[in-house]
Amino acid sequence: MYKELPALIKRKAEKQEALFRVDMFPPSLNTEKLSPKHANMWSFRVDMAYRVIFHLSKNIVVFLYIGHHKDIYRFKF
């Protein structure tokens, strides 16, 4: 999915990922837990339109999705 992103979004995603590695919950990332809450699925903001979806378990983060927020709910986790 990352390969298909526009170059500008890739640069923003890399910047946000670097911030995420330092602190998962700064206000600028707008990190939030997704429903259902027991699934440990989270998202953070790349910009106003793009999101990264990740799974968090025992301090291990696995990035699952990056794309436009309108497409998130079509993606099967």
PDB file of N, CA and C in Angstrom:
ATOM      1  N   MET A   1       0.812  -1.188   0.000  1.00  0.00           N
ATOM      2  CA  MET A   1       0.000   0.000   0.000  1.00  0.00           C
ATOM      3  C   MET A   1       0.864   1.264   0.000  1.00  0.00           C
ATOM      4  N   TYR A   2       1.944   1.201   0.769  1.00  0.00           N
ATOM      5  CA  TYR A   2       2.830   2.358   0.871  1.00  0.00           C
ATOM      6  C   TYR A   2       3.387   2.735  -0.499  1.00  0.00           C
ATOM      7  N   LYS A   3       3.781   1.744  -1.282  1.00  0.00           N
ATOM      8  CA  LYS A   3       4.382   2.005  -2.596  1.00  0.00           C
ATOM      9  C   LYS A   3       3.447   2.791  -3.507  1.00  0.00           C
ATOM     10  N   GLU A   4       2.155   2.616  -3.335  1.00  0.00           N
ATOM     11  CA  GLU A   4       1.178   3.255  -4.216  1.00  0.00           C
ATOM     12  C   GLU A   4       0.785   4.666  -3.783  1.00  0.00           C
ATOM     13  N   LEU A   5       1.281   5.112  -2.647  1.00  0.00           N
ATOM     14  CA  LEU A   5       0.941   6.447  -2.153  1.00  0.00           C
ATOM     15  C   LEU A   5       1.643   7.535  -2.958  1.00  0.00           C
ATOM     16  N   PRO A   6       1.033   8.717  -3.039  1.00  0.00           N
ATOM     17  CA  PRO A   6       1.727   9.860  -3.651  1.00  0.00           C
ATOM     18  C   PRO A   6       2.984  10.205  -2.849  1.00  0.00           C
ATOM     19  N   ALA A   7       3.986  10.743  -3.505  1.00  0.00           N
ATOM     20  CA  ALA A   7       5.266  11.066  -2.872  1.00  0.00           C
ATOM     21  C   ALA A   7       5.089  11.980  -1.655  1.00  0.00           C
ATOM     22  N   LEU A   8       4.212  12.962  -1.745  1.00  0.00           N
ATOM     23  CA  LEU A   8       3.985  13.871  -0.623  1.00  0.00           C
ATOM     24  C   LEU A   8       3.451  13.121   0.597  1.00  0.00           C
ATOM     25  N   ILE A   9       2.545  12.196   0.381  1.00  0.00           N
ATOM     26  CA  ILE A   9       1.974  11.422   1.489  1.00  0.00           C
ATOM     27  C   ILE A   9       3.036  10.492   2.083  1.00  0.00           C
ATOM     28  N   LYS A  10       3.894   9.928   1.250  1.00  0.00           N
ATOM     29  CA  LYS A  10       4.986   9.095   1.762  1.00  0.00           C
ATOM     30  C   LYS A  10       5.887   9.890   2.698  1.00  0.00           C
ATOM     31  N   ARG A  11       6.236  11.115   2.308  1.00  0.00           N
ATOM     32  CA  ARG A  11       7.094  11.955   3.152  1.00  0.00           C
ATOM     33  C   ARG A  11       6.399  12.276   4.481  1.00  0.00           C
ATOM     34  N   LYS A  12       5.112  12.604   4.403  1.00  0.00           N
ATOM     35  CA  LYS A  12       4.361  12.889   5.626  1.00  0.00           C
ATOM     36  C   LYS A  12       4.287  11.643   6.513  1.00  0.00           C
ATOM     37  N   ALA A  13       4.063  10.489   5.907  1.00  0.00           N
ATOM     38  CA  ALA A  13       3.964   9.234   6.663  1.00  0.00           C
ATOM     39  C   ALA A  13       5.284   8.929   7.365  1.00  0.00           C
ATOM     40  N   GLU A  14       6.396   9.149   6.689  1.00  0.00           N
ATOM     41  CA  GLU A  14       7.708   8.904   7.291  1.00  0.00           C
ATOM     42  C   GLU A  14       7.942   9.842   8.474  1.00  0.00           C
ATOM     43  N   LYS A  15       7.540  11.097   8.326  1.00  0.00           N
ATOM     44  CA  LYS A  15       7.672  12.064   9.418  1.00  0.00           C
ATOM     45  C   LYS A  15       6.816  11.639  10.615  1.00  0.00           C
ATOM     46  N   GLN A  16       5.579  11.244  10.351  1.00  0.00           N
ATOM     47  CA  GLN A  16       4.684  10.840  11.428  1.00  0.00           C
ATOM     48  C   GLN A  16       5.148   9.537  12.081  1.00  0.00           C
ATOM     49  N   GLU A  17       5.693   8.626  11.287  1.00  0.00           N
ATOM     50  CA  GLU A  17       6.212   7.379  11.860  1.00  0.00           C
ATOM     51  C   GLU A  17       7.383   7.667  12.806  1.00  0.00           C
ATOM     52  N   ALA A  18       8.250   8.581  12.429  1.00  0.00           N
ATOM     53  CA  ALA A  18       9.382   8.942  13.293  1.00  0.00           C
ATOM     54  C   ALA A  18       8.874   9.522  14.617  1.00  0.00           C
ATOM     55  N   LEU A  19       7.853  10.354  14.546  1.00  0.00           N
ATOM     56  CA  LEU A  19       7.254  10.906  15.751  1.00  0.00           C
ATOM     57  C   LEU A  19       6.617   9.801  16.592  1.00  0.00           C
ATOM     58  N   PHE A  20       5.919   8.884  15.932  1.00  0.00           N
ATOM     59  CA  PHE A  20       5.265   7.750  16.592  1.00  0.00           C
ATOM     60  C   PHE A  20       6.281   6.901  17.355  1.00  0.00           C
ATOM     61  N   ARG A  21       7.461   6.696  16.782  1.00  0.00           N
ATOM     62  CA  ARG A  21       8.489   5.866  17.426  1.00  0.00           C
ATOM     63  C   ARG A  21       8.985   6.486  18.736  1.00  0.00           C
ATOM     64  N   VAL A  22       8.899   7.806  18.843  1.00  0.00           N
ATOM     65  CA  VAL A  22       9.319   8.504  20.057  1.00  0.00           C
ATOM     66  C   VAL A  22       8.186   8.533  21.085  1.00  0.00           C
ATOM     67  N   ASP A  23       6.962   8.786  20.605  1.00  0.00           N
ATOM     68  CA  ASP A  23       5.798   8.906  21.484  1.00  0.00           C
ATOM     69  C   ASP A  23       4.560   8.522  20.679  1.00  0.00           C
ATOM     70  N   MET A  24       3.878   7.480  21.097  1.00  0.00           N
ATOM     71  CA  MET A  24       2.711   7.001  20.346  1.00  0.00           C
ATOM     72  C   MET A  24       1.480   7.892  20.480  1.00  0.00           C
ATOM     73  N   PHE A  25       1.492   8.806  21.457  1.00  0.00           N
ATOM     74  CA  PHE A  25       0.274   9.549  21.743  1.00  0.00           C
ATOM     75  C   PHE A  25       0.413  11.075  21.761  1.00  0.00           C
ATOM     76  N   PRO A  26       1.242  11.668  20.921  1.00  0.00           N
ATOM     77  CA  PRO A  26       1.245  13.129  20.903  1.00  0.00           C
ATOM     78  C   PRO A  26      -0.043  13.630  20.232  1.00  0.00           C
ATOM     79  N   PRO A  27      -0.514  14.800  20.587  1.00  0.00           N
ATOM     80  CA  PRO A  27      -1.763  15.302  20.002  1.00  0.00           C
ATOM     81  C   PRO A  27      -1.755  15.366  18.480  1.00  0.00           C
ATOM     82  N   SER A  28      -0.621  15.650  17.881  1.00  0.00           N
ATOM     83  CA  SER A  28      -0.577  15.791  16.419  1.00  0.00           C
ATOM     84  C   SER A  28      -0.844  14.486  15.680  1.00  0.00           C
ATOM     85  N   LEU A  29      -0.615  13.340  16.316  1.00  0.00           N
ATOM     86  CA  LEU A  29      -0.897  12.054  15.663  1.00  0.00           C
ATOM     87  C   LEU A  29      -2.365  11.657  15.781  1.00  0.00           C
ATOM     88  N   ASN A  30      -3.046  12.214  16.760  1.00  0.00           N
ATOM     89  CA  ASN A  30      -4.457  11.867  16.987  1.00  0.00           C
ATOM     90  C   ASN A  30      -4.639  10.340  17.061  1.00  0.00           C
ATOM     91  N   THR A  31      -3.770   9.687  17.816  1.00  0.00           N
ATOM     92  CA  THR A  31      -3.820   8.233  17.963  1.00  0.00           C
ATOM     93  C   THR A  31      -5.097   7.856  18.697  1.00  0.00           C
ATOM     94  N   GLU A  32      -5.822   6.878  18.134  1.00  0.00           N
ATOM     95  CA  GLU A  32      -7.062   6.455  18.774  1.00  0.00           C
ATOM     96  C   GLU A  32      -7.282   4.960  18.616  1.00  0.00           C
ATOM     97  N   LYS A  33      -7.923   4.386  19.615  1.00  0.00           N
ATOM     98  CA  LYS A  33      -8.262   2.966  19.590  1.00  0.00           C
ATOM     99  C   LYS A  33      -9.523   2.779  18.768  1.00  0.00           C
ATOM    100  N   LEU A  34      -9.510   1.778  17.905  1.00  0.00           N
ATOM    101  CA  LEU A  34     -10.647   1.521  17.036  1.00  0.00           C
ATOM    102  C   LEU A  34     -11.561   0.460  17.647  1.00  0.00           C
ATOM    103  N   SER A  35     -12.768   0.418  17.200  1.00  0.00           N
ATOM    104  CA  SER A  35     -13.728  -0.595  17.661  1.00  0.00           C
ATOM    105  C   SER A  35     -13.602  -1.844  16.816  1.00  0.00           C
ATOM    106  N   PRO A  36     -13.821  -2.999  17.384  1.00  0.00           N
ATOM    107  CA  PRO A  36     -14.121  -3.245  18.791  1.00  0.00           C
ATOM    108  C   PRO A  36     -12.866  -3.077  19.635  1.00  0.00           C
ATOM    109  N   LYS A  37     -13.045  -2.547  20.804  1.00  0.00           N
ATOM    110  CA  LYS A  37     -11.926  -2.185  21.677  1.00  0.00           C
ATOM    111  C   LYS A  37     -11.039  -3.376  22.035  1.00  0.00           C
ATOM    112  N   HIS A  38     -11.596  -4.563  22.136  1.00  0.00           N
ATOM    113  CA  HIS A  38     -10.820  -5.748  22.538  1.00  0.00           C
ATOM    114  C   HIS A  38      -9.841  -6.212  21.454  1.00  0.00           C
ATOM    115  N   ALA A  39      -9.960  -5.701  20.240  1.00  0.00           N
ATOM    116  CA  ALA A  39      -9.108  -6.144  19.135  1.00  0.00           C
ATOM    117  C   ALA A  39      -7.723  -5.492  19.139  1.00  0.00           C
ATOM    118  N   ASN A  40      -7.526  -4.488  19.987  1.00  0.00           N
ATOM    119  CA  ASN A  40      -6.240  -3.776  20.060  1.00  0.00           C
ATOM    120  C   ASN A  40      -5.810  -3.192  18.723  1.00  0.00           C
ATOM    121  N   MET A  41      -6.784  -2.678  17.973  1.00  0.00           N
ATOM    122  CA  MET A  41      -6.519  -2.003  16.706  1.00  0.00           C
ATOM    123  C   MET A  41      -6.540  -0.500  16.965  1.00  0.00           C
ATOM    124  N   TRP A  42      -5.550   0.186  16.426  1.00  0.00           N
ATOM    125  CA  TRP A  42      -5.384   1.614  16.639  1.00  0.00           C
ATOM    126  C   TRP A  42      -5.129   2.307  15.305  1.00  0.00           C
ATOM    127  N   SER A  43      -5.287   3.615  15.302  1.00  0.00           N
ATOM    128  CA  SER A  43      -4.917   4.396  14.112  1.00  0.00           C
ATOM    129  C   SER A  43      -4.200   5.657  14.552  1.00  0.00           C
ATOM    130  N   PHE A  44      -3.379   6.183  13.636  1.00  0.00           N
ATOM    131  CA  PHE A  44      -2.831   7.522  13.835  1.00  0.00           C
ATOM    132  C   PHE A  44      -2.869   8.257  12.511  1.00  0.00           C
ATOM    133  N   ARG A  45      -2.853   9.560  12.616  1.00  0.00           N
ATOM    134  CA  ARG A  45      -3.042  10.436  11.471  1.00  0.00           C
ATOM    135  C   ARG A  45      -1.723  10.711  10.760  1.00  0.00           C
ATOM    136  N   VAL A  46      -1.741  10.540   9.439  1.00  0.00           N
ATOM    137  CA  VAL A  46      -0.632  10.988   8.592  1.00  0.00           C
ATOM    138  C   VAL A  46      -0.864  12.455   8.256  1.00  0.00           C
ATOM    139  N   ASP A  47      -2.082  12.762   7.840  1.00  0.00           N
ATOM    140  CA  ASP A  47      -2.548  14.135   7.633  1.00  0.00           C
ATOM    141  C   ASP A  47      -4.065  14.106   7.791  1.00  0.00           C
ATOM    142  N   MET A  48      -4.748  15.115   7.334  1.00  0.00           N
ATOM    143  CA  MET A  48      -6.198  15.158   7.535  1.00  0.00           C
ATOM    144  C   MET A  48      -6.934  14.046   6.778  1.00  0.00           C
ATOM    145  N   ALA A  49      -6.339  13.489   5.738  1.00  0.00           N
ATOM    146  CA  ALA A  49      -7.028  12.488   4.925  1.00  0.00           C
ATOM    147  C   ALA A  49      -6.477  11.072   5.064  1.00  0.00           C
ATOM    148  N   TYR A  50      -5.217  10.923   5.419  1.00  0.00           N
ATOM    149  CA  TYR A  50      -4.581   9.605   5.434  1.00  0.00           C
ATOM    150  C   TYR A  50      -4.334   9.117   6.861  1.00  0.00           C
ATOM    151  N   ARG A  51      -4.466   7.803   7.027  1.00  0.00           N
ATOM    152  CA  ARG A  51      -4.305   7.183   8.335  1.00  0.00           C
ATOM    153  C   ARG A  51      -3.420   5.943   8.241  1.00  0.00           C
ATOM    154  N   VAL A  52      -2.822   5.590   9.362  1.00  0.00           N
ATOM    155  CA  VAL A  52      -2.109   4.325   9.522  1.00  0.00           C
ATOM    156  C   VAL A  52      -2.887   3.525  10.556  1.00  0.00           C
ATOM    157  N   ILE A  53      -3.174   2.264  10.236  1.00  0.00           N
ATOM    158  CA  ILE A  53      -3.832   1.360  11.172  1.00  0.00           C
ATOM    159  C   ILE A  53      -2.770   0.389  11.674  1.00  0.00           C
ATOM    160  N   PHE A  54      -2.769   0.164  12.984  1.00  0.00           N
ATOM    161  CA  PHE A  54      -1.786  -0.754  13.551  1.00  0.00           C
ATOM    162  C   PHE A  54      -2.408  -1.576  14.667  1.00  0.00           C
ATOM    163  N   HIS A  55      -1.768  -2.687  14.934  1.00  0.00           N
ATOM    164  CA  HIS A  55      -2.164  -3.573  16.031  1.00  0.00           C
ATOM    165  C   HIS A  55      -1.117  -3.428  17.120  1.00  0.00           C
ATOM    166  N   LEU A  56      -1.569  -3.329  18.366  1.00  0.00           N
ATOM    167  CA  LEU A  56      -0.669  -3.174  19.505  1.00  0.00           C
ATOM    168  C   LEU A  56      -0.929  -4.304  20.485  1.00  0.00           C
ATOM    169  N   SER A  57       0.127  -5.036  20.802  1.00  0.00           N
ATOM    170  CA  SER A  57       0.013  -6.126  21.761  1.00  0.00           C
ATOM    171  C   SER A  57       1.353  -6.308  22.464  1.00  0.00           C
ATOM    172  N   LYS A  58       1.338  -6.216  23.788  1.00  0.00           N
ATOM    173  CA  LYS A  58       2.542  -6.420  24.594  1.00  0.00           C
ATOM    174  C   LYS A  58       3.718  -5.572  24.108  1.00  0.00           C
ATOM    175  N   ASN A  59       3.462  -4.317  23.851  1.00  0.00           N
ATOM    176  CA  ASN A  59       4.468  -3.364  23.382  1.00  0.00           C
ATOM    177  C   ASN A  59       5.037  -3.690  22.014  1.00  0.00           C
ATOM    178  N   ILE A  60       4.346  -4.515  21.249  1.00  0.00           N
ATOM    179  CA  ILE A  60       4.733  -4.804  19.867  1.00  0.00           C
ATOM    180  C   ILE A  60       3.710  -4.150  18.945  1.00  0.00           C
ATOM    181  N   VAL A  61       4.208  -3.349  18.015  1.00  0.00           N
ATOM    182  CA  VAL A  61       3.352  -2.652  17.065  1.00  0.00           C
ATOM    183  C   VAL A  61       3.543  -3.278  15.686  1.00  0.00           C
ATOM    184  N   VAL A  62       2.423  -3.583  15.035  1.00  0.00           N
ATOM    185  CA  VAL A  62       2.453  -4.097  13.662  1.00  0.00           C
ATOM    186  C   VAL A  62       1.597  -3.167  12.816  1.00  0.00           C
ATOM    187  N   PHE A  63       2.217  -2.488  11.846  1.00  0.00           N
ATOM    188  CA  PHE A  63       1.461  -1.640  10.934  1.00  0.00           C
ATOM    189  C   PHE A  63       0.730  -2.537   9.947  1.00  0.00           C
ATOM    190  N   LEU A  64      -0.564  -2.285   9.774  1.00  0.00           N
ATOM    191  CA  LEU A  64      -1.400  -3.126   8.926  1.00  0.00           C
ATOM    192  C   LEU A  64      -1.894  -2.424   7.675  1.00  0.00           C
ATOM    193  N   TYR A  65      -2.066  -1.117   7.753  1.00  0.00           N
ATOM    194  CA  TYR A  65      -2.726  -0.402   6.660  1.00  0.00           C
ATOM    195  C   TYR A  65      -2.252   1.038   6.648  1.00  0.00           C
ATOM    196  N   ILE A  66      -2.101   1.574   5.461  1.00  0.00           N
ATOM    197  CA  ILE A  66      -1.917   3.004   5.292  1.00  0.00           C
ATOM    198  C   ILE A  66      -2.725   3.398   4.070  1.00  0.00           C
ATOM    199  N   GLY A  67      -3.520   4.434   4.222  1.00  0.00           N
ATOM    200  CA  GLY A  67      -4.328   4.875   3.101  1.00  0.00           C
ATOM    201  C   GLY A  67      -5.292   5.964   3.503  1.00  0.00           C
ATOM    202  N   HIS A  68      -6.132   6.328   2.559  1.00  0.00           N
ATOM    203  CA  HIS A  68      -7.127   7.373   2.769  1.00  0.00           C
ATOM    204  C   HIS A  68      -8.154   6.896   3.785  1.00  0.00           C
ATOM    205  N   HIS A  69      -8.548   7.779   4.683  1.00  0.00           N
ATOM    206  CA  HIS A  69      -9.469   7.371   5.749  1.00  0.00           C
ATOM    207  C   HIS A  69     -10.801   6.859   5.221  1.00  0.00           C
ATOM    208  N   LYS A  70     -11.229   7.284   4.033  1.00  0.00           N
ATOM    209  CA  LYS A  70     -12.498   6.787   3.493  1.00  0.00           C
ATOM    210  C   LYS A  70     -12.407   5.313   3.095  1.00  0.00           C
ATOM    211  N   ASP A  71     -11.197   4.818   2.915  1.00  0.00           N
ATOM    212  CA  ASP A  71     -11.007   3.424   2.509  1.00  0.00           C
ATOM    213  C   ASP A  71     -10.737   2.479   3.678  1.00  0.00           C
ATOM    214  N   ILE A  72     -10.502   3.023   4.854  1.00  0.00           N
ATOM    215  CA  ILE A  72     -10.137   2.203   6.012  1.00  0.00           C
ATOM    216  C   ILE A  72     -11.169   1.122   6.289  1.00  0.00           C
ATOM    217  N   TYR A  73     -12.421   1.487   6.233  1.00  0.00           N
ATOM    218  CA  TYR A  73     -13.461   0.546   6.646  1.00  0.00           C
ATOM    219  C   TYR A  73     -13.731  -0.532   5.595  1.00  0.00           C
ATOM    220  N   ARG A  74     -13.172  -0.381   4.420  1.00  0.00           N
ATOM    221  CA  ARG A  74     -13.272  -1.433   3.396  1.00  0.00           C
ATOM    222  C   ARG A  74     -12.169  -2.472   3.548  1.00  0.00           C
ATOM    223  N   PHE A  75     -11.113  -2.082   4.257  1.00  0.00           N
ATOM    224  CA  PHE A  75      -9.980  -2.979   4.465  1.00  0.00           C
ATOM    225  C   PHE A  75     -10.356  -4.009   5.512  1.00  0.00           C
ATOM    226  N   LYS A  76     -10.059  -5.276   5.242  1.00  0.00           N
ATOM    227  CA  LYS A  76     -10.360  -6.368   6.166  1.00  0.00           C
ATOM    228  C   LYS A  76      -9.129  -6.662   7.022  1.00  0.00           C
ATOM    229  N   PHE A  77      -9.269  -6.514   8.333  1.00  0.00           N
ATOM    230  CA  PHE A  77      -8.140  -6.700   9.244  1.00  0.00           C
ATOM    231  C   PHE A  77      -8.066  -8.131   9.691  1.00  0.00           C
TER     232      PHE A  77
END
